[in-house]
PDB file of N, CA and C in Angstrom:
ATOM      1  N   MET A   1    -205.684 180.423-154.826  1.00  0.00           N
ATOM      2  CA  MET A   1    -204.834 181.594-154.866  1.00  0.00           C
ATOM      3  C   MET A   1    -205.238 182.412-156.087  1.00  0.00           C
ATOM      4  N   SER A   2    -205.699 183.599-155.874  1.00  0.00           N
ATOM      5  CA  SER A   2    -206.107 184.431-156.994  1.00  0.00           C
ATOM      6  C   SER A   2    -204.920 185.251-157.477  1.00  0.00           C
ATOM      7  N   LEU A   3    -205.144 186.003-158.519  1.00  0.00           N
ATOM      8  CA  LEU A   3    -204.101 186.888-159.041  1.00  0.00           C
ATOM      9  C   LEU A   3    -203.993 188.086-158.114  1.00  0.00           C
ATOM     10  N   GLU A   4    -203.150 187.943-157.104  1.00  0.00           N
ATOM     11  CA  GLU A   4    -203.074 188.979-156.080  1.00  0.00           C
ATOM     12  C   GLU A   4    -201.739 189.696-156.048  1.00  0.00           C
ATOM     13  N   GLY A   5    -200.759 189.250-156.805  1.00  0.00           N
ATOM     14  CA  GLY A   5    -199.471 189.917-156.840  1.00  0.00           C
ATOM     15  C   GLY A   5    -198.440 189.341-155.901  1.00  0.00           C
ATOM     16  N   LYS A   6    -198.862 188.604-154.900  1.00  0.00           N
ATOM     17  CA  LYS A   6    -197.923 188.017-153.954  1.00  0.00           C
ATOM     18  C   LYS A   6    -197.152 186.881-154.622  1.00  0.00           C
ATOM     19  N   HIS A   7    -195.855 186.906-154.450  1.00  0.00           N
ATOM     20  CA  HIS A   7    -194.976 185.889-155.016  1.00  0.00           C
ATOM     21  C   HIS A   7    -194.695 184.859-153.929  1.00  0.00           C
ATOM     22  N   SER A   8    -195.187 183.643-154.108  1.00  0.00           N
ATOM     23  CA  SER A   8    -195.119 182.617-153.076  1.00  0.00           C
ATOM     24  C   SER A   8    -194.076 181.559-153.426  1.00  0.00           C
ATOM     25  N   PHE A   9    -193.053 181.437-152.568  1.00  0.00           N
ATOM     26  CA  PHE A   9    -191.965 180.480-152.768  1.00  0.00           C
ATOM     27  C   PHE A   9    -192.093 179.311-151.811  1.00  0.00           C
ATOM     28  N   GLY A  10    -191.407 178.240-152.142  1.00  0.00           N
ATOM     29  CA  GLY A  10    -191.357 177.088-151.256  1.00  0.00           C
ATOM     30  C   GLY A  10    -190.616 175.966-151.917  1.00  0.00           C
ATOM     31  N   SER A  11    -190.901 174.757-151.478  1.00  0.00           N
ATOM     32  CA  SER A  11    -190.246 173.574-152.030  1.00  0.00           C
ATOM     33  C   SER A  11    -191.269 172.476-152.244  1.00  0.00           C
ATOM     34  N   ILE A  12    -191.038 171.717-153.283  1.00  0.00           N
ATOM     35  CA  ILE A  12    -191.729 170.452-153.483  1.00  0.00           C
ATOM     36  C   ILE A  12    -190.622 169.420-153.577  1.00  0.00           C
ATOM     37  N   GLY A  13    -190.621 168.541-152.593  1.00  0.00           N
ATOM     38  CA  GLY A  13    -189.493 167.613-152.492  1.00  0.00           C
ATOM     39  C   GLY A  13    -188.225 168.401-152.231  1.00  0.00           C
ATOM     40  N   GLU A  14    -187.203 168.159-153.027  1.00  0.00           N
ATOM     41  CA  GLU A  14    -185.927 168.860-152.888  1.00  0.00           C
ATOM     42  C   GLU A  14    -185.833 170.072-153.813  1.00  0.00           C
ATOM     43  N   THR A  15    -186.872 170.350-154.567  1.00  0.00           N
ATOM     44  CA  THR A  15    -186.824 171.396-155.585  1.00  0.00           C
ATOM     45  C   THR A  15    -187.470 172.688-155.092  1.00  0.00           C
ATOM     46  N   ARG A  16    -186.739 173.790-155.214  1.00  0.00           N
ATOM     47  CA  ARG A  16    -187.289 175.103-154.892  1.00  0.00           C
ATOM     48  C   ARG A  16    -188.258 175.504-156.001  1.00  0.00           C
ATOM     49  N   VAL A  17    -189.402 176.052-155.618  1.00  0.00           N
ATOM     50  CA  VAL A  17    -190.432 176.377-156.593  1.00  0.00           C
ATOM     51  C   VAL A  17    -191.095 177.715-156.281  1.00  0.00           C
ATOM     52  N   THR A  18    -191.782 178.223-157.281  1.00  0.00           N
ATOM     53  CA  THR A  18    -192.731 179.317-157.122  1.00  0.00           C
ATOM     54  C   THR A  18    -194.110 178.689-157.181  1.00  0.00           C
ATOM     55  N   PHE A  19    -194.905 178.884-156.139  1.00  0.00           N
ATOM     56  CA  PHE A  19    -196.254 178.336-156.147  1.00  0.00           C
ATOM     57  C   PHE A  19    -197.147 179.200-157.033  1.00  0.00           C
ATOM     58  N   VAL A  20    -197.893 178.531-157.881  1.00  0.00           N
ATOM     59  CA  VAL A  20    -198.811 179.189-158.798  1.00  0.00           C
ATOM     60  C   VAL A  20    -200.207 179.207-158.198  1.00  0.00           C
ATOM     61  N   ASP A  21    -200.605 178.114-157.591  1.00  0.00           N
ATOM     62  CA  ASP A  21    -201.917 178.015-156.950  1.00  0.00           C
ATOM     63  C   ASP A  21    -201.855 176.898-155.923  1.00  0.00           C
ATOM     64  N   LYS A  22    -202.603 177.043-154.858  1.00  0.00           N
ATOM     65  CA  LYS A  22    -202.638 176.040-153.795  1.00  0.00           C
ATOM     66  C   LYS A  22    -204.080 175.669-153.511  1.00  0.00           C
ATOM     67  N   ASN A  23    -204.236 174.482-152.952  1.00  0.00           N
ATOM     68  CA  ASN A  23    -205.554 174.011-152.521  1.00  0.00           C
ATOM     69  C   ASN A  23    -206.558 174.010-153.675  1.00  0.00           C
ATOM     70  N   VAL A  24    -206.105 173.486-154.834  1.00  0.00           N
ATOM     71  CA  VAL A  24    -206.960 173.455-156.024  1.00  0.00           C
ATOM     72  C   VAL A  24    -207.442 172.035-156.286  1.00  0.00           C
ATOM     73  N   ASN A  25    -208.601 171.930-156.951  1.00  0.00           N
ATOM     74  CA  ASN A  25    -209.134 170.613-157.289  1.00  0.00           C
ATOM     75  C   ASN A  25    -208.416 170.044-158.517  1.00  0.00           C
ATOM     76  N   GLU A  26    -208.767 168.840-158.888  1.00  0.00           N
ATOM     77  CA  GLU A  26    -208.078 168.163-159.983  1.00  0.00           C
ATOM     78  C   GLU A  26    -208.263 168.884-161.320  1.00  0.00           C
ATOM     79  N   ASN A  27    -209.446 169.407-161.572  1.00  0.00           N
ATOM     80  CA  ASN A  27    -209.706 170.125-162.815  1.00  0.00           C
ATOM     81  C   ASN A  27    -208.799 171.350-162.941  1.00  0.00           C
ATOM     82  N   ARG A  28    -208.716 172.134-161.878  1.00  0.00           N
ATOM     83  CA  ARG A  28    -207.862 173.338-161.884  1.00  0.00           C
ATOM     84  C   ARG A  28    -206.397 172.952-162.024  1.00  0.00           C
ATOM     85  N   LYS A  29    -205.995 171.921-161.321  1.00  0.00           N
ATOM     86  CA  LYS A  29    -204.606 171.437-161.404  1.00  0.00           C
ATOM     87  C   LYS A  29    -204.263 171.075-162.838  1.00  0.00           C
ATOM     88  N   ASP A  30    -205.129 170.304-163.499  1.00  0.00           N
ATOM     89  CA  ASP A  30    -204.876 169.876-164.882  1.00  0.00           C
ATOM     90  C   ASP A  30    -204.831 171.062-165.834  1.00  0.00           C
ATOM     91  N   PHE A  31    -205.758 172.013-165.660  1.00  0.00           N
ATOM     92  CA  PHE A  31    -205.779 173.208-166.500  1.00  0.00           C
ATOM     93  C   PHE A  31    -204.474 173.988-166.386  1.00  0.00           C
ATOM     94  N   LEU A  32    -204.053 174.286-165.149  1.00  0.00           N
ATOM     95  CA  LEU A  32    -202.834 175.059-164.942  1.00  0.00           C
ATOM     96  C   LEU A  32    -201.600 174.318-165.452  1.00  0.00           C
ATOM     97  N   LYS A  33    -201.529 173.021-165.196  1.00  0.00           N
ATOM     98  CA  LYS A  33    -200.378 172.233-165.637  1.00  0.00           C
ATOM     99  C   LYS A  33    -200.246 172.289-167.152  1.00  0.00           C
ATOM    100  N   LYS A  34    -201.337 172.054-167.868  1.00  0.00           N
ATOM    101  CA  LYS A  34    -201.301 172.073-169.337  1.00  0.00           C
ATOM    102  C   LYS A  34    -200.956 173.463-169.864  1.00  0.00           C
ATOM    103  N   LEU A  35    -201.569 174.487-169.287  1.00  0.00           N
ATOM    104  CA  LEU A  35    -201.337 175.854-169.756  1.00  0.00           C
ATOM    105  C   LEU A  35    -199.890 176.278-169.514  1.00  0.00           C
ATOM    106  N   LEU A  36    -199.381 176.010-168.329  1.00  0.00           N
ATOM    107  CA  LEU A  36    -198.010 176.418-168.008  1.00  0.00           C
ATOM    108  C   LEU A  36    -196.984 175.630-168.817  1.00  0.00           C
ATOM    109  N   GLU A  37    -197.194 174.341-168.992  1.00  0.00           N
ATOM    110  CA  GLU A  37    -196.279 173.552-169.815  1.00  0.00           C
ATOM    111  C   GLU A  37    -196.323 174.025-171.261  1.00  0.00           C
ATOM    112  N   HIS A  38    -197.489 174.394-171.749  1.00  0.00           N
ATOM    113  CA  HIS A  38    -197.626 174.940-173.101  1.00  0.00           C
ATOM    114  C   HIS A  38    -196.784 176.215-173.254  1.00  0.00           C
ATOM    115  N   ASN A  39    -196.613 176.951-172.164  1.00  0.00           N
ATOM    116  CA  ASN A  39    -195.824 178.177-172.174  1.00  0.00           C
ATOM    117  C   ASN A  39    -194.363 177.959-171.775  1.00  0.00           C
ATOM    118  N   GLY A  40    -193.946 176.710-171.716  1.00  0.00           N
ATOM    119  CA  GLY A  40    -192.530 176.399-171.514  1.00  0.00           C
ATOM    120  C   GLY A  40    -192.054 176.249-170.088  1.00  0.00           C
ATOM    121  N   PHE A  41    -192.957 176.187-169.140  1.00  0.00           N
ATOM    122  CA  PHE A  41    -192.562 176.044-167.740  1.00  0.00           C
ATOM    123  C   PHE A  41    -192.521 174.583-167.329  1.00  0.00           C
ATOM    124  N   GLU A  42    -191.598 174.268-166.427  1.00  0.00           N
ATOM    125  CA  GLU A  42    -191.583 172.949-165.799  1.00  0.00           C
ATOM    126  C   GLU A  42    -192.513 173.033-164.588  1.00  0.00           C
ATOM    127  N   VAL A  43    -193.523 172.183-164.577  1.00  0.00           N
ATOM    128  CA  VAL A  43    -194.565 172.236-163.546  1.00  0.00           C
ATOM    129  C   VAL A  43    -194.404 171.061-162.587  1.00  0.00           C
ATOM    130  N   LEU A  44    -194.496 171.346-161.301  1.00  0.00           N
ATOM    131  CA  LEU A  44    -194.491 170.312-160.268  1.00  0.00           C
ATOM    132  C   LEU A  44    -195.818 170.372-159.524  1.00  0.00           C
ATOM    133  N   ILE A  45    -196.325 169.206-159.195  1.00  0.00           N
ATOM    134  CA  ILE A  45    -197.602 169.084-158.485  1.00  0.00           C
ATOM    135  C   ILE A  45    -197.349 168.349-157.175  1.00  0.00           C
ATOM    136  N   GLU A  46    -198.009 168.818-156.122  1.00  0.00           N
ATOM    137  CA  GLU A  46    -197.935 168.122-154.835  1.00  0.00           C
ATOM    138  C   GLU A  46    -199.345 167.995-154.279  1.00  0.00           C
ATOM    139  N   GLU A  47    -199.667 166.803-153.800  1.00  0.00           N
ATOM    140  CA  GLU A  47    -200.975 166.604-153.169  1.00  0.00           C
ATOM    141  C   GLU A  47    -200.974 167.271-151.798  1.00  0.00           C
ATOM    142  N   GLU A  48    -202.078 167.965-151.510  1.00  0.00           N
ATOM    143  CA  GLU A  48    -202.254 168.534-150.167  1.00  0.00           C
ATOM    144  C   GLU A  48    -202.565 167.388-149.215  1.00  0.00           C
ATOM    145  N   LYS A  49    -202.176 167.544-147.967  1.00  0.00           N
ATOM    146  CA  LYS A  49    -202.473 166.508-146.974  1.00  0.00           C
ATOM    147  C   LYS A  49    -203.962 166.533-146.639  1.00  0.00           C
ATOM    148  N   ARG A  50    -204.517 165.317-146.488  1.00  0.00           N
ATOM    149  CA  ARG A  50    -205.927 165.174-146.107  1.00  0.00           C
ATOM    150  C   ARG A  50    -205.978 164.529-144.728  1.00  0.00           C
ATOM    151  N   SER A  51    -206.982 164.881-143.954  1.00  0.00           N
ATOM    152  CA  SER A  51    -207.109 164.271-142.632  1.00  0.00           C
ATOM    153  C   SER A  51    -207.786 162.913-142.709  1.00  0.00           C
ATOM    154  N   SER A  52    -208.499 162.648-143.822  1.00  0.00           N
ATOM    155  CA  SER A  52    -209.123 161.336-143.995  1.00  0.00           C
ATOM    156  C   SER A  52    -209.260 161.047-145.486  1.00  0.00           C
ATOM    157  N   GLU A  53    -209.450 159.784-145.799  1.00  0.00           N
ATOM    158  CA  GLU A  53    -209.608 159.362-147.194  1.00  0.00           C
ATOM    159  C   GLU A  53    -210.920 159.849-147.802  1.00  0.00           C
ATOM    160  N   GLU A  54    -211.890 160.197-146.957  1.00  0.00           N
ATOM    161  CA  GLU A  54    -213.184 160.650-147.450  1.00  0.00           C
ATOM    162  C   GLU A  54    -213.143 162.085-147.970  1.00  0.00           C
ATOM    163  N   GLU A  55    -212.185 162.856-147.499  1.00  0.00           N
ATOM    164  CA  GLU A  55    -212.066 164.243-147.940  1.00  0.00           C
ATOM    165  C   GLU A  55    -211.586 164.299-149.388  1.00  0.00           C
ATOM    166  N   PRO A  56    -212.029 165.308-150.143  1.00  0.00           N
ATOM    167  CA  PRO A  56    -211.550 165.430-151.528  1.00  0.00           C
ATOM    168  C   PRO A  56    -210.058 165.760-151.555  1.00  0.00           C
ATOM    169  N   GLN A  57    -209.400 165.350-152.632  1.00  0.00           N
ATOM    170  CA  GLN A  57    -207.972 165.618-152.781  1.00  0.00           C
ATOM    171  C   GLN A  57    -207.784 166.982-153.428  1.00  0.00           C
ATOM    172  N   PHE A  58    -206.905 167.771-152.824  1.00  0.00           N
ATOM    173  CA  PHE A  58    -206.534 169.060-153.388  1.00  0.00           C
ATOM    174  C   PHE A  58    -205.033 169.057-153.649  1.00  0.00           C
ATOM    175  N   TYR A  59    -204.567 170.042-154.451  1.00  0.00           N
ATOM    176  CA  TYR A  59    -203.191 170.034-154.933  1.00  0.00           C
ATOM    177  C   TYR A  59    -202.551 171.414-154.839  1.00  0.00           C
ATOM    178  N   LYS A  60    -201.215 171.394-154.809  1.00  0.00           N
ATOM    179  CA  LYS A  60    -200.413 172.599-154.979  1.00  0.00           C
ATOM    180  C   LYS A  60    -199.812 172.508-156.375  1.00  0.00           C
ATOM    181  N   VAL A  61    -199.863 173.608-157.109  1.00  0.00           N
ATOM    182  CA  VAL A  61    -199.281 173.673-158.446  1.00  0.00           C
ATOM    183  C   VAL A  61    -198.143 174.682-158.387  1.00  0.00           C
ATOM    184  N   ALA A  62    -196.975 174.284-158.892  1.00  0.00           N
ATOM    185  CA  ALA A  62    -195.802 175.148-158.822  1.00  0.00           C
ATOM    186  C   ALA A  62    -194.974 175.013-160.096  1.00  0.00           C
ATOM    187  N   VAL A  63    -194.121 176.004-160.302  1.00  0.00           N
ATOM    188  CA  VAL A  63    -193.161 175.952-161.405  1.00  0.00           C
ATOM    189  C   VAL A  63    -191.755 176.083-160.836  1.00  0.00           C
ATOM    190  N   THR A  64    -190.778 175.586-161.581  1.00  0.00           N
ATOM    191  CA  THR A  64    -189.392 175.635-161.120  1.00  0.00           C
ATOM    192  C   THR A  64    -188.731 176.973-161.416  1.00  0.00           C
ATOM    193  N   ASP A  65    -189.386 177.835-162.170  1.00  0.00           N
ATOM    194  CA  ASP A  65    -188.875 179.173-162.476  1.00  0.00           C
ATOM    195  C   ASP A  65    -189.120 180.069-161.263  1.00  0.00           C
ATOM    196  N   MET A  66    -188.068 180.435-160.575  1.00  0.00           N
ATOM    197  CA  MET A  66    -188.202 181.175-159.319  1.00  0.00           C
ATOM    198  C   MET A  66    -188.605 182.634-159.511  1.00  0.00           C
ATOM    199  N   VAL A  67    -188.528 183.161-160.723  1.00  0.00           N
ATOM    200  CA  VAL A  67    -188.931 184.548-160.935  1.00  0.00           C
ATOM    201  C   VAL A  67    -190.337 184.664-161.514  1.00  0.00           C
ATOM    202  N   PHE A  68    -190.975 183.526-161.804  1.00  0.00           N
ATOM    203  CA  PHE A  68    -192.328 183.553-162.359  1.00  0.00           C
ATOM    204  C   PHE A  68    -193.311 184.063-161.318  1.00  0.00           C
ATOM    205  N   ASN A  69    -194.102 185.052-161.719  1.00  0.00           N
ATOM    206  CA  ASN A  69    -195.174 185.575-160.878  1.00  0.00           C
ATOM    207  C   ASN A  69    -196.429 185.552-161.738  1.00  0.00           C
ATOM    208  N   PRO A  70    -197.415 184.703-161.424  1.00  0.00           N
ATOM    209  CA  PRO A  70    -198.599 184.577-162.263  1.00  0.00           C
ATOM    210  C   PRO A  70    -199.301 185.901-162.540  1.00  0.00           C
ATOM    211  N   THR A  71    -199.399 186.768-161.546  1.00  0.00           N
ATOM    212  CA  THR A  71    -200.092 188.037-161.722  1.00  0.00           C
ATOM    213  C   THR A  71    -199.411 188.888-162.784  1.00  0.00           C
ATOM    214  N   ILE A  72    -198.102 188.995-162.703  1.00  0.00           N
ATOM    215  CA  ILE A  72    -197.361 189.796-163.681  1.00  0.00           C
ATOM    216  C   ILE A  72    -197.491 189.192-165.073  1.00  0.00           C
ATOM    217  N   TRP A  73    -197.324 187.893-165.183  1.00  0.00           N
ATOM    218  CA  TRP A  73    -197.380 187.247-166.495  1.00  0.00           C
ATOM    219  C   TRP A  73    -198.766 187.357-167.126  1.00  0.00           C
ATOM    220  N   VAL A  74    -199.823 187.246-166.332  1.00  0.00           N
ATOM    221  CA  VAL A  74    -201.174 187.348-166.892  1.00  0.00           C
ATOM    222  C   VAL A  74    -201.479 188.794-167.280  1.00  0.00           C
ATOM    223  N   TYR A  75    -201.232 189.748-166.394  1.00  0.00           N
ATOM    224  CA  TYR A  75    -201.583 191.134-166.686  1.00  0.00           C
ATOM    225  C   TYR A  75    -200.673 191.772-167.730  1.00  0.00           C
ATOM    226  N   GLN A  76    -199.460 191.267-167.891  1.00  0.00           N
ATOM    227  CA  GLN A  76    -198.602 191.742-168.972  1.00  0.00           C
ATOM    228  C   GLN A  76    -198.839 190.968-170.268  1.00  0.00           C
ATOM    229  N   ARG A  77    -199.827 190.063-170.224  1.00  0.00           N
ATOM    230  CA  ARG A  77    -200.224 189.277-171.397  1.00  0.00           C
ATOM    231  C   ARG A  77    -199.048 188.500-171.994  1.00  0.00           C
ATOM    232  N   ARG A  78    -198.241 187.882-171.128  1.00  0.00           N
ATOM    233  CA  ARG A  78    -197.065 187.139-171.560  1.00  0.00           C
ATOM    234  C   ARG A  78    -197.341 185.651-171.753  1.00  0.00           C
ATOM    235  N   LEU A  79    -198.495 185.159-171.279  1.00  0.00           N
ATOM    236  CA  LEU A  79    -198.853 183.754-171.458  1.00  0.00           C
ATOM    237  C   LEU A  79    -199.752 183.611-172.677  1.00  0.00           C
ATOM    238  N   LYS A  80    -199.593 182.487-173.374  1.00  0.00           N
ATOM    239  CA  LYS A  80    -200.408 182.208-174.559  1.00  0.00           C
ATOM    240  C   LYS A  80    -201.345 181.042-174.291  1.00  0.00           C
ATOM    241  N   THR A  81    -202.553 181.136-174.871  1.00  0.00           N
ATOM    242  CA  THR A  81    -203.511 180.041-174.798  1.00  0.00           C
ATOM    243  C   THR A  81    -203.107 178.981-175.822  1.00  0.00           C
ATOM    244  N   PHE A  82    -203.838 177.911-175.856  1.00  0.00           N
ATOM    245  CA  PHE A  82    -203.520 176.809-176.761  1.00  0.00           C
ATOM    246  C   PHE A  82    -203.758 177.177-178.221  1.00  0.00           C
ATOM    247  N   ASP A  83    -204.597 178.193-178.454  1.00  0.00           N
ATOM    248  CA  ASP A  83    -204.816 178.642-179.829  1.00  0.00           C
ATOM    249  C   ASP A  83    -204.088 179.958-180.098  1.00  0.00           C
ATOM    250  N   ASN A  84    -203.037 180.202-179.303  1.00  0.00           N
ATOM    251  CA  ASN A  84    -202.074 181.290-179.502  1.00  0.00           C
ATOM    252  C   ASN A  84    -202.632 182.694-179.275  1.00  0.00           C
ATOM    253  N   HIS A  85    -203.672 182.818-178.449  1.00  0.00           N
ATOM    254  CA  HIS A  85    -204.136 184.129-178.017  1.00  0.00           C
ATOM    255  C   HIS A  85    -203.491 184.427-176.663  1.00  0.00           C
ATOM    256  N   LYS A  86    -203.610 185.651-176.222  1.00  0.00           N
ATOM    257  CA  LYS A  86    -203.045 186.025-174.926  1.00  0.00           C
ATOM    258  C   LYS A  86    -203.997 185.629-173.803  1.00  0.00           C
ATOM    259  N   VAL A  87    -203.420 185.101-172.720  1.00  0.00           N
ATOM    260  CA  VAL A  87    -204.208 184.707-171.546  1.00  0.00           C
ATOM    261  C   VAL A  87    -204.684 185.965-170.835  1.00  0.00           C
ATOM    262  N   THR A  88    -205.981 186.034-170.579  1.00  0.00           N
ATOM    263  CA  THR A  88    -206.573 187.141-169.829  1.00  0.00           C
ATOM    264  C   THR A  88    -206.838 186.672-168.398  1.00  0.00           C
ATOM    265  N   PRO A  89    -207.088 187.597-167.487  1.00  0.00           N
ATOM    266  CA  PRO A  89    -207.426 187.176-166.118  1.00  0.00           C
ATOM    267  C   PRO A  89    -208.638 186.244-166.071  1.00  0.00           C
ATOM    268  N   ASP A  90    -209.672 186.515-166.853  1.00  0.00           N
ATOM    269  CA  ASP A  90    -210.852 185.645-166.854  1.00  0.00           C
ATOM    270  C   ASP A  90    -210.518 184.255-167.384  1.00  0.00           C
ATOM    271  N   TYR A  91    -209.663 184.177-168.385  1.00  0.00           N
ATOM    272  CA  TYR A  91    -209.249 182.875-168.910  1.00  0.00           C
ATOM    273  C   TYR A  91    -208.436 182.134-167.848  1.00  0.00           C
ATOM    274  N   TRP A  92    -207.490 182.827-167.218  1.00  0.00           N
ATOM    275  CA  TRP A  92    -206.645 182.241-166.174  1.00  0.00           C
ATOM    276  C   TRP A  92    -207.497 181.688-165.031  1.00  0.00           C
ATOM    277  N   ASN A  93    -208.503 182.450-164.634  1.00  0.00           N
ATOM    278  CA  ASN A  93    -209.364 182.043-163.521  1.00  0.00           C
ATOM    279  C   ASN A  93    -210.461 181.076-163.943  1.00  0.00           C
ATOM    280  N   GLN A  94    -210.454 180.672-165.187  1.00  0.00           N
ATOM    281  CA  GLN A  94    -211.414 179.735-165.757  1.00  0.00           C
ATOM    282  C   GLN A  94    -212.852 180.260-165.659  1.00  0.00           C
ATOM    283  N   ASN A  95    -212.999 181.586-165.789  1.00  0.00           N
ATOM    284  CA  ASN A  95    -214.328 182.189-165.838  1.00  0.00           C
ATOM    285  C   ASN A  95    -214.890 182.154-167.248  1.00  0.00           C
ATOM    286  N   THR A  96    -213.999 181.967-168.235  1.00  0.00           N
ATOM    287  CA  THR A  96    -214.403 181.901-169.629  1.00  0.00           C
ATOM    288  C   THR A  96    -213.437 181.018-170.403  1.00  0.00           C
ATOM    289  N   LYS A  97    -213.934 180.437-171.473  1.00  0.00           N
ATOM    290  CA  LYS A  97    -213.068 179.701-172.393  1.00  0.00           C
ATOM    291  C   LYS A  97    -212.745 180.561-173.604  1.00  0.00           C
ATOM    292  N   GLU A  98    -213.358 181.746-173.643  1.00  0.00           N
ATOM    293  CA  GLU A  98    -213.130 182.686-174.735  1.00  0.00           C
ATOM    294  C   GLU A  98    -211.664 183.097-174.737  1.00  0.00           C
ATOM    295  N   THR A  99    -211.027 182.964-175.881  1.00  0.00           N
ATOM    296  CA  THR A  99    -209.595 183.266-175.944  1.00  0.00           C
ATOM    297  C   THR A  99    -209.302 184.616-176.562  1.00  0.00           C
ATOM    298  N   HIS A 100    -210.340 185.309-177.002  1.00  0.00           N
ATOM    299  CA  HIS A 100    -210.130 186.637-177.566  1.00  0.00           C
ATOM    300  C   HIS A 100    -211.254 187.561-177.101  1.00  0.00           C
ATOM    301  N   PRO A 101    -211.444 187.659-175.779  1.00  0.00           N
ATOM    302  CA  PRO A 101    -212.552 188.475-175.276  1.00  0.00           C
ATOM    303  C   PRO A 101    -212.263 189.963-175.439  1.00  0.00           C
ATOM    304  N   GLN A 102    -213.305 190.730-175.554  1.00  0.00           N
ATOM    305  CA  GLN A 102    -213.188 192.183-175.601  1.00  0.00           C
ATOM    306  C   GLN A 102    -213.492 192.713-174.202  1.00  0.00           C
ATOM    307  N   TYR A 103    -212.766 193.727-173.777  1.00  0.00           N
ATOM    308  CA  TYR A 103    -212.921 194.206-172.408  1.00  0.00           C
ATOM    309  C   TYR A 103    -214.354 194.636-172.101  1.00  0.00           C
ATOM    310  N   TRP A 104    -215.070 195.211-173.068  1.00  0.00           N
ATOM    311  CA  TRP A 104    -216.419 195.710-172.786  1.00  0.00           C
ATOM    312  C   TRP A 104    -217.408 194.577-172.543  1.00  0.00           C
ATOM    313  N   MET A 105    -217.096 193.353-172.997  1.00  0.00           N
ATOM    314  CA  MET A 105    -217.998 192.235-172.753  1.00  0.00           C
ATOM    315  C   MET A 105    -217.990 191.846-171.278  1.00  0.00           C
ATOM    316  N   SER A 106    -216.832 191.908-170.616  1.00  0.00           N
ATOM    317  CA  SER A 106    -216.803 191.537-169.207  1.00  0.00           C
ATOM    318  C   SER A 106    -217.248 192.692-168.301  1.00  0.00           C
ATOM    319  N   HIS A 107    -216.993 193.903-168.716  1.00  0.00           N
ATOM    320  CA  HIS A 107    -217.318 195.030-167.847  1.00  0.00           C
ATOM    321  C   HIS A 107    -218.773 195.479-167.961  1.00  0.00           C
ATOM    322  N   TYR A 108    -219.343 195.322-169.114  1.00  0.00           N
ATOM    323  CA  TYR A 108    -220.694 195.818-169.317  1.00  0.00           C
ATOM    324  C   TYR A 108    -221.717 194.713-169.541  1.00  0.00           C
ATOM    325  N   GLY A 109    -221.263 193.472-169.680  1.00  0.00           N
ATOM    326  CA  GLY A 109    -222.163 192.345-169.786  1.00  0.00           C
ATOM    327  C   GLY A 109    -222.829 192.181-171.126  1.00  0.00           C
ATOM    328  N   HIS A 110    -222.414 192.943-172.113  1.00  0.00           N
ATOM    329  CA  HIS A 110    -222.989 192.802-173.449  1.00  0.00           C
ATOM    330  C   HIS A 110    -222.013 193.330-174.510  1.00  0.00           C
ATOM    331  N   PRO A 111    -222.164 192.867-175.740  1.00  0.00           N
ATOM    332  CA  PRO A 111    -221.277 193.348-176.805  1.00  0.00           C
ATOM    333  C   PRO A 111    -221.578 194.776-177.215  1.00  0.00           C
TER     334      PRO A 111
END
């Protein structure tokens, strides 16, 4: 699920949630869980159903805050990284580990 603006609701178990990302691998799940918990959210994880044990395991990542919208929070720079910088779309999408990127570096490919 990319930063598309759509607010996706549902349930994990008996708890109503806002889905942050679906069908993600373990690395993405761990990244989002740590980042969201660092920002004060209660995170719930659910394993996606697999048709066989040979298939890789994917996950749904959700928060219990029903008004949380990842797109709004990222683009309004309301989330903080672990070193207290603002989360950018590239950081959120794990395109970079840079926590203080300059816009011209991503748009023009050079400093």
